[in-house]
Amino acid sequence: MMRLICAMGLSGALIVSACSSSSGNKNDSGAGGSMANDGGGDAADAGPALVTVSGTAAPHPLTKALDPTNDFTMINVAVVDPAIVIANPTAAPLQGGPLDTSAGNCMGANGCLWSFDNVNISSISLGLVGILDDARTSGRLWVKTGTGAGSAATINMFKMTRAPITNVPLFAVSTATEAKLAMFAAGVLTTDTTLMPGALTARGFMIGTVVSKLSEGAKPIAGATVTTGDTRVNIIYPNADFSGVGQSTAAPHGSFLVVPKPVATQTAIVATWTVTPPSGDTRTWPMLTAGSTPGTAFVILFAANE
C-alpha cells in the first residue's frame, strides 16, 4: 500500500489552531470559536443576531505533509449556514470575500487572518461552517473545504450575547492531497472500484481528528473509534504513517477519513457521530452532527468533554 506521509507532523498545525481557538467554548468539539466575556451573559435586545466572526485560514496539516509547496493564494473565505447550503450548494454565504494572503496578514504555519462583521446568525439551526475555496476558474489547486465554526448549542449562546466569535481556524485541502487520499482509500476499500483522483471531492468526504480536552492541549487520541448510524459511508482509520489501516485512530495523528459509498446520484450526507474512547479511558466525547456535500471536503475536530 502506498505510504503517504511520515509519522510526524500530520496534525500539529490542526491541534495548535484548535487549542488556541476554543477558550470558553470547551464542549463545542469540532467547532472553533471563543466566547468573549459579556459581563453577565444577559440576552441581547430583540432584533437580528448580528455578530463578528473571525479567525485564521491555512492549508490542512495533511496538505502541508503531502503537498507542502502548493500555492495558498487566490482563496475565497466565507461563513455559511449549513442547512441552507445543504439544500442549495450555490446559495450565497452569510458573509464572504477574498482571503488576504499577503505576508503582512499571514503568520506562517498559523495561517492568514480573516474577519467578517455583522454576520446574521439568527436562523442557524445546525451550526456555523467556514468555507475556503479556490477562486481560480480553471486549474484549481484547492478543494472547496468546510470547517466547523460553531455547534448549534454554541451559536445559540452567541445569539443571546451577540459576543464576537473569534479565533475560528479554517482549513483547506489541496486537489493534490485529495488525489493521494483517494488512491489511499482505493487500496483499502477493495469493493469500491470507482475511487480515483477527484472521486472523494465529487462524493463529499470528511477528515476527522479525535483529540483530548482542549484544556489538556487537544492532543491526538489513539485507540478511539467513531461510529454513525448512517450506512452510506465507510470510515477508514489510517495507521501512524498512512502505510496501511487499523481498527481505531492511530498515534500520532488521531485521524480518520469518512468516504461516502458510490451511488448513482450523490447527495449531502449529514449524520450524528459518536466517539468510543480507547479501552480504559474514562473521558467522554459529545455526539456531533456533521457531514459533507458533493463537491466539498469537511474538516472536523472531536474534542473530549471538559
C-alpha atoms as a PDB file:
ATOM      1  CA  MET A   1       0.000   0.000   0.000  1.00  0.00           C
ATOM      2  CA  MET A   2       1.230   3.494  -0.857  1.00  0.00           C
ATOM      3  CA  ARG A   3       2.980   5.249   2.021  1.00  0.00           C
ATOM      4  CA  LEU A   4       1.581   8.783   2.172  1.00  0.00           C
ATOM      5  CA  ILE A   5       3.400  10.613   4.917  1.00  0.00           C
ATOM      6  CA  CYS A   6       5.942  10.294   7.664  1.00  0.00           C
ATOM      7  CA  ALA A   7       4.632   9.637  11.140  1.00  0.00           C
ATOM      8  CA  MET A   8       5.448  13.070  12.491  1.00  0.00           C
ATOM      9  CA  GLY A   9       3.859  16.381  11.643  1.00  0.00           C
ATOM     10  CA  LEU A  10       0.461  15.221  10.385  1.00  0.00           C
ATOM     11  CA  SER A  11      -1.817  17.072  12.763  1.00  0.00           C
ATOM     12  CA  GLY A  12       0.375  19.542  14.590  1.00  0.00           C
ATOM     13  CA  ALA A  13      -0.998  22.650  12.913  1.00  0.00           C
ATOM     14  CA  LEU A  14      -4.567  21.423  13.316  1.00  0.00           C
ATOM     15  CA  ILE A  15      -4.104  20.833  17.022  1.00  0.00           C
ATOM     16  CA  VAL A  16      -2.293  24.116  17.625  1.00  0.00           C
ATOM     17  CA  SER A  17      -5.067  26.059  15.948  1.00  0.00           C
ATOM     18  CA  ALA A  18      -7.829  24.148  17.676  1.00  0.00           C
ATOM     19  CA  CYS A  19      -6.171  24.523  21.029  1.00  0.00           C
ATOM     20  CA  SER A  20      -5.954  28.277  20.685  1.00  0.00           C
ATOM     21  CA  SER A  21      -9.435  28.642  19.288  1.00  0.00           C
ATOM     22  CA  SER A  22     -11.722  27.323  21.949  1.00  0.00           C
ATOM     23  CA  SER A  23     -11.163  29.206  25.168  1.00  0.00           C
ATOM     24  CA  GLY A  24     -14.503  29.410  26.947  1.00  0.00           C
ATOM     25  CA  ASN A  25     -16.104  27.037  24.447  1.00  0.00           C
ATOM     26  CA  LYS A  26     -14.864  23.790  25.840  1.00  0.00           C
ATOM     27  CA  ASN A  27     -17.670  21.454  24.843  1.00  0.00           C
ATOM     28  CA  ASP A  28     -18.020  22.649  21.287  1.00  0.00           C
ATOM     29  CA  SER A  29     -15.843  19.864  19.823  1.00  0.00           C
ATOM     30  CA  GLY A  30     -15.009  20.412  16.213  1.00  0.00           C
ATOM     31  CA  ALA A  31     -16.337  23.928  16.000  1.00  0.00           C
ATOM     32  CA  GLY A  32     -13.746  26.582  16.678  1.00  0.00           C
ATOM     33  CA  GLY A  33     -14.625  29.858  18.341  1.00  0.00           C
ATOM     34  CA  SER A  34     -14.413  31.515  21.721  1.00  0.00           C
ATOM     35  CA  MET A  35     -16.982  33.487  23.633  1.00  0.00           C
ATOM     36  CA  ALA A  36     -15.910  36.860  24.901  1.00  0.00           C
ATOM     37  CA  ASN A  37     -16.891  37.790  28.451  1.00  0.00           C
ATOM     38  CA  ASP A  38     -20.048  39.882  28.174  1.00  0.00           C
ATOM     39  CA  GLY A  39     -20.157  40.811  31.831  1.00  0.00           C
ATOM     40  CA  GLY A  40     -23.136  38.682  32.773  1.00  0.00           C
ATOM     41  CA  GLY A  41     -24.451  36.963  29.663  1.00  0.00           C
ATOM     42  CA  ASP A  42     -27.782  38.816  29.601  1.00  0.00           C
ATOM     43  CA  ALA A  43     -29.841  38.276  26.469  1.00  0.00           C
ATOM     44  CA  ALA A  44     -29.304  40.920  23.834  1.00  0.00           C
ATOM     45  CA  ASP A  45     -32.083  43.229  22.709  1.00  0.00           C
ATOM     46  CA  ALA A  46     -34.595  41.879  20.220  1.00  0.00           C
ATOM     47  CA  GLY A  47     -33.610  42.007  16.570  1.00  0.00           C
ATOM     48  CA  PRO A  48     -31.320  40.119  14.214  1.00  0.00           C
ATOM     49  CA  ALA A  49     -28.367  38.454  15.930  1.00  0.00           C
ATOM     50  CA  LEU A  50     -25.507  40.202  14.137  1.00  0.00           C
ATOM     51  CA  VAL A  51     -22.035  39.192  15.319  1.00  0.00           C
ATOM     52  CA  THR A  52     -18.420  39.480  14.239  1.00  0.00           C
ATOM     53  CA  VAL A  53     -16.811  36.183  13.199  1.00  0.00           C
ATOM     54  CA  SER A  54     -13.041  35.969  12.773  1.00  0.00           C
ATOM     55  CA  GLY A  55     -10.177  33.523  12.729  1.00  0.00           C
ATOM     56  CA  THR A  56      -7.395  32.076  10.620  1.00  0.00           C
ATOM     57  CA  ALA A  57      -7.207  30.161   7.354  1.00  0.00           C
ATOM     58  CA  ALA A  58      -4.459  27.709   6.437  1.00  0.00           C
ATOM     59  CA  PRO A  59      -3.779  24.550   4.442  1.00  0.00           C
ATOM     60  CA  HIS A  60      -4.850  21.418   6.307  1.00  0.00           C
ATOM     61  CA  PRO A  61      -1.944  19.590   8.013  1.00  0.00           C
ATOM     62  CA  LEU A  62      -2.419  16.699   5.578  1.00  0.00           C
ATOM     63  CA  THR A  63      -1.821  19.100   2.715  1.00  0.00           C
ATOM     64  CA  LYS A  64       1.220  20.531   4.478  1.00  0.00           C
ATOM     65  CA  ALA A  65       2.603  16.984   4.634  1.00  0.00           C
ATOM     66  CA  LEU A  66       1.561  15.770   1.187  1.00  0.00           C
ATOM     67  CA  ASP A  67       1.647  18.950  -0.866  1.00  0.00           C
ATOM     68  CA  PRO A  68       3.913  21.393   1.006  1.00  0.00           C
ATOM     69  CA  THR A  69       4.769  23.644  -1.941  1.00  0.00           C
ATOM     70  CA  ASN A  70       1.219  24.354  -3.027  1.00  0.00           C
ATOM     71  CA  ASP A  71       0.278  27.973  -3.696  1.00  0.00           C
ATOM     72  CA  PHE A  72      -2.030  29.225  -0.935  1.00  0.00           C
ATOM     73  CA  THR A  73      -3.286  32.273  -2.842  1.00  0.00           C
ATOM     74  CA  MET A  74      -6.461  33.224  -4.705  1.00  0.00           C
ATOM     75  CA  ILE A  75      -8.595  31.798  -1.903  1.00  0.00           C
ATOM     76  CA  ASN A  76     -12.118  32.866  -1.037  1.00  0.00           C
ATOM     77  CA  VAL A  77     -13.294  32.670   2.573  1.00  0.00           C
ATOM     78  CA  ALA A  78     -16.898  32.633   3.765  1.00  0.00           C
ATOM     79  CA  VAL A  79     -19.152  31.678   6.651  1.00  0.00           C
ATOM     80  CA  VAL A  80     -22.357  29.812   5.859  1.00  0.00           C
ATOM     81  CA  ASP A  81     -25.479  28.333   7.392  1.00  0.00           C
ATOM     82  CA  PRO A  82     -25.045  24.612   6.598  1.00  0.00           C
ATOM     83  CA  ALA A  83     -28.796  23.998   6.494  1.00  0.00           C
ATOM     84  CA  ILE A  84     -29.031  26.475   3.626  1.00  0.00           C
ATOM     85  CA  VAL A  85     -26.081  25.208   1.593  1.00  0.00           C
ATOM     86  CA  ILE A  86     -27.150  21.571   2.010  1.00  0.00           C
ATOM     87  CA  ALA A  87     -30.441  22.486   0.353  1.00  0.00           C
ATOM     88  CA  ASN A  88     -28.779  24.758  -2.210  1.00  0.00           C
ATOM     89  CA  PRO A  89     -24.979  24.448  -2.616  1.00  0.00           C
ATOM     90  CA  THR A  90     -24.876  27.643  -4.706  1.00  0.00           C
ATOM     91  CA  ALA A  91     -26.685  29.762  -2.096  1.00  0.00           C
ATOM     92  CA  ALA A  92     -24.996  33.000  -1.074  1.00  0.00           C
ATOM     93  CA  PRO A  93     -22.973  32.817   2.162  1.00  0.00           C
ATOM     94  CA  LEU A  94     -23.821  34.756   5.276  1.00  0.00           C
ATOM     95  CA  GLN A  95     -20.634  36.737   4.590  1.00  0.00           C
ATOM     96  CA  GLY A  96     -17.699  36.130   2.283  1.00  0.00           C
ATOM     97  CA  GLY A  97     -14.868  37.590   0.248  1.00  0.00           C
ATOM     98  CA  PRO A  98     -11.263  37.127  -0.895  1.00  0.00           C
ATOM     99  CA  LEU A  99      -8.777  35.947   1.718  1.00  0.00           C
ATOM    100  CA  ASP A 100      -5.900  38.355   2.223  1.00  0.00           C
ATOM    101  CA  THR A 101      -2.859  36.115   1.717  1.00  0.00           C
ATOM    102  CA  SER A 102      -0.311  38.915   1.742  1.00  0.00           C
ATOM    103  CA  ALA A 103       2.718  38.491   4.002  1.00  0.00           C
ATOM    104  CA  GLY A 104       1.504  41.228   6.336  1.00  0.00           C
ATOM    105  CA  ASN A 105      -1.761  39.376   7.040  1.00  0.00           C
ATOM    106  CA  CYS A 106      -0.362  35.856   7.404  1.00  0.00           C
ATOM    107  CA  MET A 107       1.549  34.181  10.218  1.00  0.00           C
ATOM    108  CA  GLY A 108       3.386  31.364   8.502  1.00  0.00           C
ATOM    109  CA  ALA A 109       2.126  27.959   9.613  1.00  0.00           C
ATOM    110  CA  ASN A 110      -0.584  29.596  11.738  1.00  0.00           C
ATOM    111  CA  GLY A 111      -2.389  30.845   8.646  1.00  0.00           C
ATOM    112  CA  CYS A 112      -3.882  34.097   7.407  1.00  0.00           C
ATOM    113  CA  LEU A 113      -6.311  36.278   9.332  1.00  0.00           C
ATOM    114  CA  TRP A 114      -9.902  36.836   8.242  1.00  0.00           C
ATOM    115  CA  SER A 115     -12.879  38.630   9.799  1.00  0.00           C
ATOM    116  CA  PHE A 116     -16.483  39.464   8.948  1.00  0.00           C
ATOM    117  CA  ASP A 117     -18.711  41.954  10.748  1.00  0.00           C
ATOM    118  CA  ASN A 118     -22.492  41.777  11.067  1.00  0.00           C
ATOM    119  CA  VAL A 119     -22.891  38.069  10.359  1.00  0.00           C
ATOM    120  CA  ASN A 120     -26.572  37.266  10.842  1.00  0.00           C
ATOM    121  CA  ILE A 121     -26.735  34.028  12.853  1.00  0.00           C
ATOM    122  CA  SER A 122     -30.412  34.416  13.811  1.00  0.00           C
ATOM    123  CA  SER A 123     -31.718  31.495  11.738  1.00  0.00           C
ATOM    124  CA  ILE A 124     -28.911  28.992  12.265  1.00  0.00           C
ATOM    125  CA  SER A 125     -30.118  25.573  13.437  1.00  0.00           C
ATOM    126  CA  LEU A 126     -27.312  23.091  12.624  1.00  0.00           C
ATOM    127  CA  GLY A 127     -24.293  25.248  13.476  1.00  0.00           C
ATOM    128  CA  LEU A 128     -21.926  27.608  11.684  1.00  0.00           C
ATOM    129  CA  VAL A 129     -19.459  26.486   8.993  1.00  0.00           C
ATOM    130  CA  GLY A 130     -16.479  28.308   7.499  1.00  0.00           C
ATOM    131  CA  ILE A 131     -15.597  27.703   3.851  1.00  0.00           C
ATOM    132  CA  LEU A 132     -12.296  28.040   1.994  1.00  0.00           C
ATOM    133  CA  ASP A 133     -12.500  27.751  -1.789  1.00  0.00           C
ATOM    134  CA  ASP A 134     -10.245  28.285  -4.781  1.00  0.00           C
ATOM    135  CA  ALA A 135     -11.032  31.479  -6.679  1.00  0.00           C
ATOM    136  CA  ARG A 136      -9.445  30.107  -9.865  1.00  0.00           C
ATOM    137  CA  THR A 137     -11.904  29.353 -12.652  1.00  0.00           C
ATOM    138  CA  SER A 138      -9.528  26.793 -14.196  1.00  0.00           C
ATOM    139  CA  GLY A 139      -6.542  24.836 -12.948  1.00  0.00           C
ATOM    140  CA  ARG A 140      -7.938  24.748  -9.425  1.00  0.00           C
ATOM    141  CA  LEU A 141      -5.386  23.914  -6.737  1.00  0.00           C
ATOM    142  CA  TRP A 142      -7.783  23.671  -3.787  1.00  0.00           C
ATOM    143  CA  VAL A 143     -10.893  21.666  -2.968  1.00  0.00           C
ATOM    144  CA  LYS A 144     -13.837  23.570  -1.538  1.00  0.00           C
ATOM    145  CA  THR A 145     -13.363  22.796   2.163  1.00  0.00           C
ATOM    146  CA  GLY A 146     -15.682  23.400   5.100  1.00  0.00           C
ATOM    147  CA  THR A 147     -14.657  23.524   8.756  1.00  0.00           C
ATOM    148  CA  GLY A 148     -16.979  23.577  11.755  1.00  0.00           C
ATOM    149  CA  ALA A 149     -17.076  27.103  13.182  1.00  0.00           C
ATOM    150  CA  GLY A 150     -19.626  26.636  15.973  1.00  0.00           C
ATOM    151  CA  SER A 151     -22.095  23.924  17.028  1.00  0.00           C
ATOM    152  CA  ALA A 152     -25.813  24.652  17.217  1.00  0.00           C
ATOM    153  CA  ALA A 153     -25.662  24.922  21.022  1.00  0.00           C
ATOM    154  CA  THR A 154     -22.753  27.323  20.893  1.00  0.00           C
ATOM    155  CA  ILE A 155     -24.319  29.504  18.200  1.00  0.00           C
ATOM    156  CA  ASN A 156     -27.494  29.702  20.293  1.00  0.00           C
ATOM    157  CA  MET A 157     -25.417  31.237  23.087  1.00  0.00           C
ATOM    158  CA  PHE A 158     -23.978  33.795  20.701  1.00  0.00           C
ATOM    159  CA  LYS A 159     -27.483  34.643  19.531  1.00  0.00           C
ATOM    160  CA  MET A 160     -28.195  35.721  23.098  1.00  0.00           C
ATOM    161  CA  THR A 161     -24.966  37.544  23.879  1.00  0.00           C
ATOM    162  CA  ARG A 162     -24.038  38.977  20.450  1.00  0.00           C
ATOM    163  CA  ALA A 163     -20.427  38.447  21.566  1.00  0.00           C
ATOM    164  CA  PRO A 164     -17.866  38.079  18.757  1.00  0.00           C
ATOM    165  CA  ILE A 165     -16.976  34.572  17.639  1.00  0.00           C
ATOM    166  CA  THR A 166     -13.188  34.681  17.486  1.00  0.00           C
ATOM    167  CA  ASN A 167     -10.141  32.523  16.711  1.00  0.00           C
ATOM    168  CA  VAL A 168     -12.001  30.208  14.334  1.00  0.00           C
ATOM    169  CA  PRO A 169      -9.465  28.051  12.440  1.00  0.00           C
ATOM    170  CA  LEU A 170     -10.406  27.099   8.880  1.00  0.00           C
ATOM    171  CA  PHE A 171      -8.505  24.553   6.796  1.00  0.00           C
ATOM    172  CA  ALA A 172      -8.153  23.957   3.069  1.00  0.00           C
ATOM    173  CA  VAL A 173      -7.441  20.637   1.358  1.00  0.00           C
ATOM    174  CA  SER A 174      -5.500  20.787  -1.906  1.00  0.00           C
ATOM    175  CA  THR A 175      -6.538  18.873  -5.008  1.00  0.00           C
ATOM    176  CA  ALA A 176      -3.220  17.010  -4.905  1.00  0.00           C
ATOM    177  CA  THR A 177      -3.948  15.913  -1.340  1.00  0.00           C
ATOM    178  CA  GLU A 178      -7.410  14.734  -2.339  1.00  0.00           C
ATOM    179  CA  ALA A 179      -5.907  12.723  -5.189  1.00  0.00           C
ATOM    180  CA  LYS A 180      -3.484  10.944  -2.855  1.00  0.00           C
ATOM    181  CA  LEU A 181      -6.181  10.282  -0.274  1.00  0.00           C
ATOM    182  CA  ALA A 182      -8.441   8.871  -3.000  1.00  0.00           C
ATOM    183  CA  MET A 183      -5.765   6.427  -4.115  1.00  0.00           C
ATOM    184  CA  PHE A 184      -5.055   5.523  -0.490  1.00  0.00           C
ATOM    185  CA  ALA A 185      -8.754   4.825   0.098  1.00  0.00           C
ATOM    186  CA  ALA A 186      -8.922   2.823  -3.132  1.00  0.00           C
ATOM    187  CA  GLY A 187      -6.277   0.490  -1.760  1.00  0.00           C
ATOM    188  CA  VAL A 188      -8.326  -0.025   1.407  1.00  0.00           C
ATOM    189  CA  LEU A 189     -11.888  -0.193   0.101  1.00  0.00           C
ATOM    190  CA  THR A 190     -11.358  -3.057  -2.304  1.00  0.00           C
ATOM    191  CA  THR A 191     -15.051  -3.234  -3.170  1.00  0.00           C
ATOM    192  CA  ASP A 192     -15.111   0.416  -4.249  1.00  0.00           C
ATOM    193  CA  THR A 193     -13.691   0.251  -7.751  1.00  0.00           C
ATOM    194  CA  THR A 194     -14.667   3.803  -8.752  1.00  0.00           C
ATOM    195  CA  LEU A 195     -12.297   5.615  -6.400  1.00  0.00           C
ATOM    196  CA  MET A 196      -9.772   7.728  -8.274  1.00  0.00           C
ATOM    197  CA  PRO A 197      -8.444  11.291  -8.041  1.00  0.00           C
ATOM    198  CA  GLY A 198     -11.409  13.640  -7.840  1.00  0.00           C
ATOM    199  CA  ALA A 199     -13.853  10.992  -6.626  1.00  0.00           C
ATOM    200  CA  LEU A 200     -13.681  11.973  -2.949  1.00  0.00           C
ATOM    201  CA  THR A 201     -14.487  15.569  -3.814  1.00  0.00           C
ATOM    202  CA  ALA A 202     -17.295  14.555  -6.146  1.00  0.00           C
ATOM    203  CA  ARG A 203     -18.899  12.497  -3.378  1.00  0.00           C
ATOM    204  CA  GLY A 204     -18.073  14.841  -0.493  1.00  0.00           C
ATOM    205  CA  PHE A 205     -15.769  13.479   2.213  1.00  0.00           C
ATOM    206  CA  MET A 206     -14.686  14.179   5.787  1.00  0.00           C
ATOM    207  CA  ILE A 207     -11.352  14.364   7.580  1.00  0.00           C
ATOM    208  CA  GLY A 208     -11.853  13.993  11.340  1.00  0.00           C
ATOM    209  CA  THR A 209      -9.478  14.053  14.288  1.00  0.00           C
ATOM    210  CA  VAL A 210     -10.193  12.795  17.822  1.00  0.00           C
ATOM    211  CA  VAL A 211      -8.349  14.773  20.491  1.00  0.00           C
ATOM    212  CA  SER A 212      -8.194  15.167  24.263  1.00  0.00           C
ATOM    213  CA  LYS A 213      -9.796  18.003  26.202  1.00  0.00           C
ATOM    214  CA  LEU A 214      -8.997  21.429  24.833  1.00  0.00           C
ATOM    215  CA  SER A 215      -7.767  22.395  28.309  1.00  0.00           C
ATOM    216  CA  GLU A 216      -5.288  19.496  28.053  1.00  0.00           C
ATOM    217  CA  GLY A 217      -3.856  20.744  24.788  1.00  0.00           C
ATOM    218  CA  ALA A 218      -6.161  18.913  22.359  1.00  0.00           C
ATOM    219  CA  LYS A 219      -3.689  16.071  21.887  1.00  0.00           C
ATOM    220  CA  PRO A 220      -4.499  13.372  19.298  1.00  0.00           C
ATOM    221  CA  ILE A 221      -6.082  10.255  20.763  1.00  0.00           C
ATOM    222  CA  ALA A 222      -5.010   6.784  19.662  1.00  0.00           C
ATOM    223  CA  GLY A 223      -7.376   3.829  20.014  1.00  0.00           C
ATOM    224  CA  ALA A 224     -10.674   5.724  19.609  1.00  0.00           C
ATOM    225  CA  THR A 225     -13.410   4.738  17.182  1.00  0.00           C
ATOM    226  CA  VAL A 226     -16.063   6.918  15.586  1.00  0.00           C
ATOM    227  CA  THR A 227     -19.408   5.474  14.544  1.00  0.00           C
ATOM    228  CA  THR A 228     -22.593   6.627  12.886  1.00  0.00           C
ATOM    229  CA  GLY A 229     -25.926   5.043  12.137  1.00  0.00           C
ATOM    230  CA  ASP A 230     -25.696   6.244   8.533  1.00  0.00           C
ATOM    231  CA  THR A 231     -24.818   3.259   6.326  1.00  0.00           C
ATOM    232  CA  ARG A 232     -23.976   5.399   3.289  1.00  0.00           C
ATOM    233  CA  VAL A 233     -20.368   5.912   4.366  1.00  0.00           C
ATOM    234  CA  ASN A 234     -17.181   3.971   5.042  1.00  0.00           C
ATOM    235  CA  ILE A 235     -14.878   5.018   7.894  1.00  0.00           C
ATOM    236  CA  ILE A 236     -11.146   4.476   7.424  1.00  0.00           C
ATOM    237  CA  TYR A 237      -8.553   4.592  10.229  1.00  0.00           C
ATOM    238  CA  PRO A 238      -5.114   5.264   8.692  1.00  0.00           C
ATOM    239  CA  ASN A 239      -2.190   3.871  10.651  1.00  0.00           C
ATOM    240  CA  ALA A 240       0.623   6.030  12.002  1.00  0.00           C
ATOM    241  CA  ASP A 241       2.246   6.821   8.652  1.00  0.00           C
ATOM    242  CA  PHE A 242      -0.655   6.109   6.284  1.00  0.00           C
ATOM    243  CA  SER A 243       1.062   2.973   5.000  1.00  0.00           C
ATOM    244  CA  GLY A 244      -1.983   0.913   5.998  1.00  0.00           C
ATOM    245  CA  VAL A 245      -5.093   0.937   8.167  1.00  0.00           C
ATOM    246  CA  GLY A 246      -6.222  -0.144  11.610  1.00  0.00           C
ATOM    247  CA  GLN A 247      -9.439  -0.590  13.575  1.00  0.00           C
ATOM    248  CA  SER A 248      -9.181   2.694  15.506  1.00  0.00           C
ATOM    249  CA  THR A 249      -7.390   6.028  15.459  1.00  0.00           C
ATOM    250  CA  ALA A 250      -3.609   5.854  15.489  1.00  0.00           C
ATOM    251  CA  ALA A 251      -0.820   7.857  17.068  1.00  0.00           C
ATOM    252  CA  PRO A 252       0.464  10.397  16.345  1.00  0.00           C
ATOM    253  CA  HIS A 253      -2.440  11.906  14.396  1.00  0.00           C
ATOM    254  CA  GLY A 254      -5.730  10.506  15.816  1.00  0.00           C
ATOM    255  CA  SER A 255      -7.393  10.981  12.434  1.00  0.00           C
ATOM    256  CA  PHE A 256      -9.883   9.127  10.272  1.00  0.00           C
ATOM    257  CA  LEU A 257     -11.437   9.505   6.834  1.00  0.00           C
ATOM    258  CA  VAL A 258     -15.140   9.287   6.001  1.00  0.00           C
ATOM    259  CA  VAL A 259     -15.773   8.198   2.415  1.00  0.00           C
ATOM    260  CA  PRO A 260     -19.325   8.132   1.045  1.00  0.00           C
ATOM    261  CA  LYS A 261     -20.202   4.953  -0.824  1.00  0.00           C
ATOM    262  CA  PRO A 262     -20.764   5.300  -4.573  1.00  0.00           C
ATOM    263  CA  VAL A 263     -24.357   5.769  -5.683  1.00  0.00           C
ATOM    264  CA  ALA A 264     -25.988   6.831  -8.923  1.00  0.00           C
ATOM    265  CA  THR A 265     -26.670  10.315  -7.583  1.00  0.00           C
ATOM    266  CA  GLN A 266     -24.547  11.626  -4.725  1.00  0.00           C
ATOM    267  CA  THR A 267     -26.392  13.708  -2.146  1.00  0.00           C
ATOM    268  CA  ALA A 268     -25.461  15.512   1.035  1.00  0.00           C
ATOM    269  CA  ILE A 269     -24.793  13.245   3.998  1.00  0.00           C
ATOM    270  CA  VAL A 270     -25.437  14.738   7.418  1.00  0.00           C
ATOM    271  CA  ALA A 271     -25.215  12.308  10.315  1.00  0.00           C
ATOM    272  CA  THR A 272     -24.646  12.051  14.043  1.00  0.00           C
ATOM    273  CA  TRP A 273     -21.206  10.820  15.076  1.00  0.00           C
ATOM    274  CA  THR A 274     -20.312   9.062  18.327  1.00  0.00           C
ATOM    275  CA  VAL A 275     -16.800   8.624  19.718  1.00  0.00           C
ATOM    276  CA  THR A 276     -15.962   5.475  21.684  1.00  0.00           C
ATOM    277  CA  PRO A 277     -12.869   6.060  23.877  1.00  0.00           C
ATOM    278  CA  PRO A 278      -9.879   3.742  23.966  1.00  0.00           C
ATOM    279  CA  SER A 279     -10.169   0.844  26.400  1.00  0.00           C
ATOM    280  CA  GLY A 280      -9.801   2.092  29.977  1.00  0.00           C
ATOM    281  CA  ASP A 281     -10.155   5.771  29.034  1.00  0.00           C
ATOM    282  CA  THR A 282     -12.796   7.391  31.274  1.00  0.00           C
ATOM    283  CA  ARG A 283     -13.158  10.569  29.241  1.00  0.00           C
ATOM    284  CA  THR A 284     -16.275  11.187  27.185  1.00  0.00           C
ATOM    285  CA  TRP A 285     -16.858  12.898  23.875  1.00  0.00           C
ATOM    286  CA  PRO A 286     -20.039  14.670  22.766  1.00  0.00           C
ATOM    287  CA  MET A 287     -22.092  13.368  19.869  1.00  0.00           C
ATOM    288  CA  LEU A 288     -21.730  15.695  16.902  1.00  0.00           C
ATOM    289  CA  THR A 289     -23.849  16.285  13.847  1.00  0.00           C
ATOM    290  CA  ALA A 290     -21.699  16.793  10.770  1.00  0.00           C
ATOM    291  CA  GLY A 291     -21.263  15.735   7.191  1.00  0.00           C
ATOM    292  CA  SER A 292     -20.388  16.887   3.738  1.00  0.00           C
ATOM    293  CA  THR A 293     -21.992  17.723   0.416  1.00  0.00           C
ATOM    294  CA  PRO A 294     -20.876  16.619  -3.041  1.00  0.00           C
ATOM    295  CA  GLY A 295     -18.081  18.837  -4.315  1.00  0.00           C
ATOM    296  CA  THR A 296     -16.635  19.544  -0.858  1.00  0.00           C
ATOM    297  CA  ALA A 297     -14.380  18.268   1.874  1.00  0.00           C
ATOM    298  CA  PHE A 298     -15.278  18.775   5.534  1.00  0.00           C
ATOM    299  CA  VAL A 299     -12.825  19.053   8.436  1.00  0.00           C
ATOM    300  CA  ILE A 300     -13.979  18.350  11.981  1.00  0.00           C
ATOM    301  CA  LEU A 301     -12.312  18.099  15.365  1.00  0.00           C
ATOM    302  CA  PHE A 302     -13.753  15.810  18.048  1.00  0.00           C
ATOM    303  CA  ALA A 303     -12.558  17.178  21.409  1.00  0.00           C
ATOM    304  CA  ALA A 304     -13.229  15.412  24.727  1.00  0.00           C
ATOM    305  CA  ASN A 305     -15.714  16.935  27.153  1.00  0.00           C
ATOM    306  CA  GLU A 306     -14.183  19.071  29.887  1.00  0.00           C
END
